[in-house]
Amino acid sequence: MPQPNTKVYQIAGAGVETASGITYFTDTECIAGGSLWFECQEYAPKLGYYVNFTHDGDGTVVVPSALGMQAGDSVERWWLD
């Protein structure tokens, strides 16, 4: 429990899109082409990626841990959605 003169705010929630990881893959890029974007004549591999998102957190801090302290005079619970 916190000291009597310390105020604790426990925050938990869901519904906000949160980055949870990055997936890497082999992509291609044009290295020799014509004057128009679709006139590529030679491709080379390159590193590509996309960000993974979740709406229910990333599993780092689960709700029971985020709200682990009993609410009382010096502890408030806040929910965000």
PDB file of N, CA and C in Angstrom:
ATOM      1  N   MET A   1       0.849  -1.193   0.000  1.00  0.00           N
ATOM      2  CA  MET A   1       0.000   0.000   0.000  1.00  0.00           C
ATOM      3  C   MET A   1       0.883   1.240   0.000  1.00  0.00           C
ATOM      4  N   PRO A   2       0.400   2.308  -0.618  1.00  0.00           N
ATOM      5  CA  PRO A   2       1.190   3.542  -0.655  1.00  0.00           C
ATOM      6  C   PRO A   2       1.187   4.239   0.713  1.00  0.00           C
ATOM      7  N   GLN A   3       2.143   5.110   0.879  1.00  0.00           N
ATOM      8  CA  GLN A   3       2.193   5.934   2.085  1.00  0.00           C
ATOM      9  C   GLN A   3       0.953   6.828   2.121  1.00  0.00           C
ATOM     10  N   PRO A   4       0.499   7.245   3.300  1.00  0.00           N
ATOM     11  CA  PRO A   4      -0.724   8.056   3.391  1.00  0.00           C
ATOM     12  C   PRO A   4      -0.674   9.356   2.593  1.00  0.00           C
ATOM     13  N   ASN A   5       0.502   9.926   2.405  1.00  0.00           N
ATOM     14  CA  ASN A   5       0.596  11.196   1.669  1.00  0.00           C
ATOM     15  C   ASN A   5       0.850  10.991   0.166  1.00  0.00           C
ATOM     16  N   THR A   6       0.748   9.752  -0.329  1.00  0.00           N
ATOM     17  CA  THR A   6       0.954   9.431  -1.746  1.00  0.00           C
ATOM     18  C   THR A   6      -0.371   9.055  -2.392  1.00  0.00           C
ATOM     19  N   LYS A   7      -0.698   9.720  -3.496  1.00  0.00           N
ATOM     20  CA  LYS A   7      -1.925   9.435  -4.239  1.00  0.00           C
ATOM     21  C   LYS A   7      -1.590   8.520  -5.417  1.00  0.00           C
ATOM     22  N   VAL A   8      -2.325   7.410  -5.559  1.00  0.00           N
ATOM     23  CA  VAL A   8      -2.096   6.446  -6.638  1.00  0.00           C
ATOM     24  C   VAL A   8      -3.308   6.438  -7.564  1.00  0.00           C
ATOM     25  N   TYR A   9      -3.041   6.529  -8.870  1.00  0.00           N
ATOM     26  CA  TYR A   9      -4.089   6.410  -9.880  1.00  0.00           C
ATOM     27  C   TYR A   9      -3.801   5.141 -10.675  1.00  0.00           C
ATOM     28  N   GLN A  10      -4.679   4.172 -10.600  1.00  0.00           N
ATOM     29  CA  GLN A  10      -4.549   2.948 -11.389  1.00  0.00           C
ATOM     30  C   GLN A  10      -5.383   3.127 -12.649  1.00  0.00           C
ATOM     31  N   ILE A  11      -4.782   2.918 -13.803  1.00  0.00           N
ATOM     32  CA  ILE A  11      -5.464   3.172 -15.069  1.00  0.00           C
ATOM     33  C   ILE A  11      -5.516   1.875 -15.867  1.00  0.00           C
ATOM     34  N   ALA A  12      -6.704   1.498 -16.299  1.00  0.00           N
ATOM     35  CA  ALA A  12      -6.903   0.327 -17.146  1.00  0.00           C
ATOM     36  C   ALA A  12      -7.934   0.692 -18.200  1.00  0.00           C
ATOM     37  N   GLY A  13      -7.952  -0.051 -19.274  1.00  0.00           N
ATOM     38  CA  GLY A  13      -8.936   0.241 -20.304  1.00  0.00           C
ATOM     39  C   GLY A  13      -8.768  -0.643 -21.524  1.00  0.00           C
ATOM     40  N   ALA A  14      -9.655  -0.443 -22.462  1.00  0.00           N
ATOM     41  CA  ALA A  14      -9.639  -1.171 -23.725  1.00  0.00           C
ATOM     42  C   ALA A  14     -10.329  -0.313 -24.765  1.00  0.00           C
ATOM     43  N   GLY A  15     -10.206  -0.706 -26.002  1.00  0.00           N
ATOM     44  CA  GLY A  15     -10.913  -0.013 -27.066  1.00  0.00           C
ATOM     45  C   GLY A  15     -10.056   0.935 -27.873  1.00  0.00           C
ATOM     46  N   VAL A  16      -8.859   1.281 -27.388  1.00  0.00           N
ATOM     47  CA  VAL A  16      -7.978   2.159 -28.135  1.00  0.00           C
ATOM     48  C   VAL A  16      -6.992   1.295 -28.915  1.00  0.00           C
ATOM     49  N   GLU A  17      -6.881   1.550 -30.182  1.00  0.00           N
ATOM     50  CA  GLU A  17      -5.952   0.781 -30.993  1.00  0.00           C
ATOM     51  C   GLU A  17      -4.532   1.037 -30.501  1.00  0.00           C
ATOM     52  N   THR A  18      -3.824  -0.033 -30.160  1.00  0.00           N
ATOM     53  CA  THR A  18      -2.493   0.044 -29.563  1.00  0.00           C
ATOM     54  C   THR A  18      -1.526  -0.798 -30.378  1.00  0.00           C
ATOM     55  N   ALA A  19      -0.355  -0.260 -30.650  1.00  0.00           N
ATOM     56  CA  ALA A  19       0.669  -1.048 -31.341  1.00  0.00           C
ATOM     57  C   ALA A  19       1.116  -2.184 -30.439  1.00  0.00           C
ATOM     58  N   SER A  20       1.141  -3.409 -30.977  1.00  0.00           N
ATOM     59  CA  SER A  20       1.522  -4.566 -30.163  1.00  0.00           C
ATOM     60  C   SER A  20       2.733  -5.301 -30.716  1.00  0.00           C
ATOM     61  N   GLY A  21       3.241  -4.881 -31.851  1.00  0.00           N
ATOM     62  CA  GLY A  21       4.416  -5.536 -32.419  1.00  0.00           C
ATOM     63  C   GLY A  21       4.644  -5.102 -33.848  1.00  0.00           C
ATOM     64  N   ILE A  22       5.734  -5.610 -34.414  1.00  0.00           N
ATOM     65  CA  ILE A  22       6.087  -5.317 -35.805  1.00  0.00           C
ATOM     66  C   ILE A  22       6.357  -6.641 -36.512  1.00  0.00           C
ATOM     67  N   THR A  23       5.795  -6.790 -37.700  1.00  0.00           N
ATOM     68  CA  THR A  23       6.047  -7.968 -38.524  1.00  0.00           C
ATOM     69  C   THR A  23       6.928  -7.543 -39.696  1.00  0.00           C
ATOM     70  N   TYR A  24       8.072  -8.204 -39.833  1.00  0.00           N
ATOM     71  CA  TYR A  24       8.993  -7.926 -40.928  1.00  0.00           C
ATOM     72  C   TYR A  24       8.820  -8.969 -42.017  1.00  0.00           C
ATOM     73  N   PHE A  25       9.055  -8.569 -43.245  1.00  0.00           N
ATOM     74  CA  PHE A  25       8.949  -9.482 -44.369  1.00  0.00           C
ATOM     75  C   PHE A  25       9.853  -8.992 -45.501  1.00  0.00           C
ATOM     76  N   THR A  26      10.112  -9.870 -46.451  1.00  0.00           N
ATOM     77  CA  THR A  26      10.908  -9.495 -47.619  1.00  0.00           C
ATOM     78  C   THR A  26       9.987  -8.880 -48.655  1.00  0.00           C
ATOM     79  N   ASP A  27      10.256  -7.656 -48.997  1.00  0.00           N
ATOM     80  CA  ASP A  27       9.472  -6.908 -49.972  1.00  0.00           C
ATOM     81  C   ASP A  27      10.347  -6.712 -51.210  1.00  0.00           C
ATOM     82  N   THR A  28       9.848  -6.010 -52.200  1.00  0.00           N
ATOM     83  CA  THR A  28      10.644  -5.690 -53.383  1.00  0.00           C
ATOM     84  C   THR A  28      10.556  -4.200 -53.656  1.00  0.00           C
ATOM     85  N   GLU A  29      11.596  -3.700 -54.311  1.00  0.00           N
ATOM     86  CA  GLU A  29      11.579  -2.306 -54.747  1.00  0.00           C
ATOM     87  C   GLU A  29      12.118  -2.224 -56.164  1.00  0.00           C
ATOM     88  N   CYS A  30      11.667  -1.234 -56.875  1.00  0.00           N
ATOM     89  CA  CYS A  30      12.111  -1.032 -58.250  1.00  0.00           C
ATOM     90  C   CYS A  30      13.485  -0.355 -58.225  1.00  0.00           C
ATOM     91  N   ILE A  31      14.449  -0.954 -58.921  1.00  0.00           N
ATOM     92  CA  ILE A  31      15.779  -0.343 -58.979  1.00  0.00           C
ATOM     93  C   ILE A  31      16.135   0.139 -60.387  1.00  0.00           C
ATOM     94  N   ALA A  32      15.344  -0.243 -61.378  1.00  0.00           N
ATOM     95  CA  ALA A  32      15.564   0.245 -62.745  1.00  0.00           C
ATOM     96  C   ALA A  32      14.219   0.276 -63.453  1.00  0.00           C
ATOM     97  N   GLY A  33      13.815   1.456 -63.855  1.00  0.00           N
ATOM     98  CA  GLY A  33      12.522   1.561 -64.494  1.00  0.00           C
ATOM     99  C   GLY A  33      12.468   2.696 -65.487  1.00  0.00           C
ATOM    100  N   GLY A  34      11.298   2.847 -66.059  1.00  0.00           N
ATOM    101  CA  GLY A  34      11.079   3.912 -67.023  1.00  0.00           C
ATOM    102  C   GLY A  34      10.716   5.210 -66.326  1.00  0.00           C
ATOM    103  N   SER A  35      10.164   6.119 -67.091  1.00  0.00           N
ATOM    104  CA  SER A  35       9.825   7.431 -66.544  1.00  0.00           C
ATOM    105  C   SER A  35       8.510   7.421 -65.753  1.00  0.00           C
ATOM    106  N   LEU A  36       7.702   6.390 -65.948  1.00  0.00           N
ATOM    107  CA  LEU A  36       6.446   6.291 -65.220  1.00  0.00           C
ATOM    108  C   LEU A  36       6.580   5.275 -64.094  1.00  0.00           C
ATOM    109  N   TRP A  37       5.805   5.420 -63.018  1.00  0.00           N
ATOM    110  CA  TRP A  37       5.941   4.575 -61.825  1.00  0.00           C
ATOM    111  C   TRP A  37       5.676   3.106 -62.094  1.00  0.00           C
ATOM    112  N   PHE A  38       4.869   2.790 -63.081  1.00  0.00           N
ATOM    113  CA  PHE A  38       4.514   1.397 -63.350  1.00  0.00           C
ATOM    114  C   PHE A  38       5.437   0.738 -64.379  1.00  0.00           C
ATOM    115  N   GLU A  39       6.452   1.418 -64.834  1.00  0.00           N
ATOM    116  CA  GLU A  39       7.359   0.875 -65.841  1.00  0.00           C
ATOM    117  C   GLU A  39       8.656   0.356 -65.212  1.00  0.00           C
ATOM    118  N   CYS A  40       8.556  -0.491 -64.223  1.00  0.00           N
ATOM    119  CA  CYS A  40       9.745  -1.038 -63.584  1.00  0.00           C
ATOM    120  C   CYS A  40      10.274  -2.211 -64.400  1.00  0.00           C
ATOM    121  N   GLN A  41      11.591  -2.251 -64.590  1.00  0.00           N
ATOM    122  CA  GLN A  41      12.200  -3.321 -65.372  1.00  0.00           C
ATOM    123  C   GLN A  41      13.104  -4.218 -64.536  1.00  0.00           C
ATOM    124  N   GLU A  42      13.476  -3.757 -63.340  1.00  0.00           N
ATOM    125  CA  GLU A  42      14.310  -4.588 -62.478  1.00  0.00           C
ATOM    126  C   GLU A  42      13.954  -4.325 -61.013  1.00  0.00           C
ATOM    127  N   TYR A  43      13.770  -5.407 -60.298  1.00  0.00           N
ATOM    128  CA  TYR A  43      13.418  -5.319 -58.878  1.00  0.00           C
ATOM    129  C   TYR A  43      14.539  -5.907 -58.017  1.00  0.00           C
ATOM    130  N   ALA A  44      14.583  -5.462 -56.773  1.00  0.00           N
ATOM    131  CA  ALA A  44      15.532  -6.007 -55.798  1.00  0.00           C
ATOM    132  C   ALA A  44      14.800  -6.207 -54.484  1.00  0.00           C
ATOM    133  N   PRO A  45      15.241  -7.180 -53.698  1.00  0.00           N
ATOM    134  CA  PRO A  45      14.590  -7.385 -52.401  1.00  0.00           C
ATOM    135  C   PRO A  45      14.933  -6.269 -51.425  1.00  0.00           C
ATOM    136  N   LYS A  46      14.015  -5.995 -50.537  1.00  0.00           N
ATOM    137  CA  LYS A  46      14.248  -5.026 -49.471  1.00  0.00           C
ATOM    138  C   LYS A  46      13.448  -5.453 -48.247  1.00  0.00           C
ATOM    139  N   LEU A  47      13.806  -4.936 -47.112  1.00  0.00           N
ATOM    140  CA  LEU A  47      13.100  -5.244 -45.878  1.00  0.00           C
ATOM    141  C   LEU A  47      11.819  -4.421 -45.816  1.00  0.00           C
ATOM    142  N   GLY A  48      10.706  -5.103 -45.620  1.00  0.00           N
ATOM    143  CA  GLY A  48       9.426  -4.433 -45.436  1.00  0.00           C
ATOM    144  C   GLY A  48       8.889  -4.747 -44.059  1.00  0.00           C
ATOM    145  N   TYR A  49       7.947  -3.961 -43.599  1.00  0.00           N
ATOM    146  CA  TYR A  49       7.354  -4.211 -42.283  1.00  0.00           C
ATOM    147  C   TYR A  49       5.956  -3.616 -42.216  1.00  0.00           C
ATOM    148  N   TYR A  50       5.186  -4.119 -41.278  1.00  0.00           N
ATOM    149  CA  TYR A  50       3.938  -3.469 -40.914  1.00  0.00           C
ATOM    150  C   TYR A  50       3.756  -3.591 -39.418  1.00  0.00           C
ATOM    151  N   VAL A  51       3.022  -2.638 -38.869  1.00  0.00           N
ATOM    152  CA  VAL A  51       2.796  -2.580 -37.427  1.00  0.00           C
ATOM    153  C   VAL A  51       1.535  -3.370 -37.099  1.00  0.00           C
ATOM    154  N   ASN A  52       1.627  -4.255 -36.119  1.00  0.00           N
ATOM    155  CA  ASN A  52       0.473  -5.013 -35.641  1.00  0.00           C
ATOM    156  C   ASN A  52      -0.247  -4.181 -34.585  1.00  0.00           C
ATOM    157  N   PHE A  53      -1.550  -4.145 -34.648  1.00  0.00           N
ATOM    158  CA  PHE A  53      -2.348  -3.392 -33.682  1.00  0.00           C
ATOM    159  C   PHE A  53      -3.319  -4.317 -32.967  1.00  0.00           C
ATOM    160  N   THR A  54      -3.683  -3.941 -31.761  1.00  0.00           N
ATOM    161  CA  THR A  54      -4.688  -4.660 -30.983  1.00  0.00           C
ATOM    162  C   THR A  54      -5.606  -3.633 -30.332  1.00  0.00           C
ATOM    163  N   HIS A  55      -6.832  -4.033 -30.038  1.00  0.00           N
ATOM    164  CA  HIS A  55      -7.788  -3.152 -29.364  1.00  0.00           C
ATOM    165  C   HIS A  55      -7.934  -3.499 -27.896  1.00  0.00           C
ATOM    166  N   ASP A  56      -7.261  -4.554 -27.455  1.00  0.00           N
ATOM    167  CA  ASP A  56      -7.412  -4.990 -26.066  1.00  0.00           C
ATOM    168  C   ASP A  56      -6.052  -5.095 -25.384  1.00  0.00           C
ATOM    169  N   GLY A  57      -5.205  -4.114 -25.625  1.00  0.00           N
ATOM    170  CA  GLY A  57      -3.882  -4.114 -25.003  1.00  0.00           C
ATOM    171  C   GLY A  57      -2.935  -5.076 -25.689  1.00  0.00           C
ATOM    172  N   ASP A  58      -1.695  -5.044 -25.263  1.00  0.00           N
ATOM    173  CA  ASP A  58      -0.687  -5.909 -25.867  1.00  0.00           C
ATOM    174  C   ASP A  58      -0.293  -7.063 -24.965  1.00  0.00           C
ATOM    175  N   GLY A  59      -1.006  -7.260 -23.863  1.00  0.00           N
ATOM    176  CA  GLY A  59      -0.726  -8.365 -22.973  1.00  0.00           C
ATOM    177  C   GLY A  59       0.398  -8.097 -21.996  1.00  0.00           C
ATOM    178  N   THR A  60       0.987  -6.907 -22.045  1.00  0.00           N
ATOM    179  CA  THR A  60       2.080  -6.572 -21.137  1.00  0.00           C
ATOM    180  C   THR A  60       1.569  -6.422 -19.710  1.00  0.00           C
ATOM    181  N   VAL A  61       0.538  -5.639 -19.539  1.00  0.00           N
ATOM    182  CA  VAL A  61      -0.069  -5.459 -18.215  1.00  0.00           C
ATOM    183  C   VAL A  61      -1.542  -5.819 -18.348  1.00  0.00           C
ATOM    184  N   VAL A  62      -1.933  -6.932 -17.754  1.00  0.00           N
ATOM    185  CA  VAL A  62      -3.334  -7.340 -17.821  1.00  0.00           C
ATOM    186  C   VAL A  62      -4.136  -6.572 -16.775  1.00  0.00           C
ATOM    187  N   VAL A  63      -5.441  -6.488 -16.980  1.00  0.00           N
ATOM    188  CA  VAL A  63      -6.298  -5.678 -16.120  1.00  0.00           C
ATOM    189  C   VAL A  63      -6.155  -6.007 -14.633  1.00  0.00           C
ATOM    190  N   PRO A  64      -6.124  -7.281 -14.213  1.00  0.00           N
ATOM    191  CA  PRO A  64      -5.971  -7.533 -12.779  1.00  0.00           C
ATOM    192  C   PRO A  64      -4.683  -6.940 -12.194  1.00  0.00           C
ATOM    193  N   SER A  65      -3.621  -6.867 -12.991  1.00  0.00           N
ATOM    194  CA  SER A  65      -2.391  -6.241 -12.502  1.00  0.00           C
ATOM    195  C   SER A  65      -2.495  -4.729 -12.516  1.00  0.00           C
ATOM    196  N   ALA A  66      -3.122  -4.186 -13.564  1.00  0.00           N
ATOM    197  CA  ALA A  66      -3.258  -2.734 -13.655  1.00  0.00           C
ATOM    198  C   ALA A  66      -4.113  -2.184 -12.522  1.00  0.00           C
ATOM    199  N   LEU A  67      -5.064  -2.980 -12.049  1.00  0.00           N
ATOM    200  CA  LEU A  67      -5.948  -2.563 -10.959  1.00  0.00           C
ATOM    201  C   LEU A  67      -5.706  -3.416  -9.723  1.00  0.00           C
ATOM    202  N   GLY A  68      -4.449  -3.746  -9.452  1.00  0.00           N
ATOM    203  CA  GLY A  68      -4.100  -4.680  -8.387  1.00  0.00           C
ATOM    204  C   GLY A  68      -4.299  -4.162  -6.973  1.00  0.00           C
ATOM    205  N   MET A  69      -4.291  -2.863  -6.788  1.00  0.00           N
ATOM    206  CA  MET A  69      -4.434  -2.298  -5.441  1.00  0.00           C
ATOM    207  C   MET A  69      -5.902  -2.033  -5.148  1.00  0.00           C
ATOM    208  N   GLN A  70      -6.290  -2.255  -3.932  1.00  0.00           N
ATOM    209  CA  GLN A  70      -7.667  -1.999  -3.503  1.00  0.00           C
ATOM    210  C   GLN A  70      -7.945  -0.498  -3.530  1.00  0.00           C
ATOM    211  N   ALA A  71      -9.051  -0.079  -4.123  1.00  0.00           N
ATOM    212  CA  ALA A  71      -9.414   1.337  -4.147  1.00  0.00           C
ATOM    213  C   ALA A  71      -9.703   1.810  -2.733  1.00  0.00           C
ATOM    214  N   GLY A  72      -9.312   3.028  -2.455  1.00  0.00           N
ATOM    215  CA  GLY A  72      -9.529   3.585  -1.124  1.00  0.00           C
ATOM    216  C   GLY A  72      -9.221   5.068  -1.120  1.00  0.00           C
ATOM    217  N   ASP A  73      -8.878   5.607   0.053  1.00  0.00           N
ATOM    218  CA  ASP A  73      -8.626   7.040   0.185  1.00  0.00           C
ATOM    219  C   ASP A  73      -7.455   7.512  -0.671  1.00  0.00           C
ATOM    220  N   SER A  74      -6.391   6.729  -0.760  1.00  0.00           N
ATOM    221  CA  SER A  74      -5.199   7.168  -1.504  1.00  0.00           C
ATOM    222  C   SER A  74      -5.056   6.455  -2.849  1.00  0.00           C
ATOM    223  N   VAL A  75      -6.003   5.571  -3.198  1.00  0.00           N
ATOM    224  CA  VAL A  75      -5.936   4.835  -4.462  1.00  0.00           C
ATOM    225  C   VAL A  75      -7.235   5.020  -5.228  1.00  0.00           C
ATOM    226  N   GLU A  76      -7.097   5.524  -6.461  1.00  0.00           N
ATOM    227  CA  GLU A  76      -8.266   5.681  -7.341  1.00  0.00           C
ATOM    228  C   GLU A  76      -8.096   4.780  -8.560  1.00  0.00           C
ATOM    229  N   ARG A  77      -9.201   4.222  -9.036  1.00  0.00           N
ATOM    230  CA  ARG A  77      -9.194   3.427 -10.267  1.00  0.00           C
ATOM    231  C   ARG A  77      -9.845   4.220 -11.389  1.00  0.00           C
ATOM    232  N   TRP A  78      -9.185   4.245 -12.523  1.00  0.00           N
ATOM    233  CA  TRP A  78      -9.691   4.924 -13.694  1.00  0.00           C
ATOM    234  C   TRP A  78      -9.771   3.934 -14.849  1.00  0.00           C
ATOM    235  N   TRP A  79     -10.893   3.978 -15.578  1.00  0.00           N
ATOM    236  CA  TRP A  79     -11.087   3.139 -16.765  1.00  0.00           C
ATOM    237  C   TRP A  79     -11.121   4.035 -17.989  1.00  0.00           C
ATOM    238  N   LEU A  80     -10.391   3.680 -19.009  1.00  0.00           N
ATOM    239  CA  LEU A  80     -10.411   4.401 -20.268  1.00  0.00           C
ATOM    240  C   LEU A  80     -10.930   3.480 -21.350  1.00  0.00           C
ATOM    241  N   ASP A  81     -11.789   4.003 -22.193  1.00  0.00           N
ATOM    242  CA  ASP A  81     -12.316   3.226 -23.305  1.00  0.00           C
ATOM    243  C   ASP A  81     -12.314   4.087 -24.548  1.00  0.00           C
TER     244      ASP A  81
END
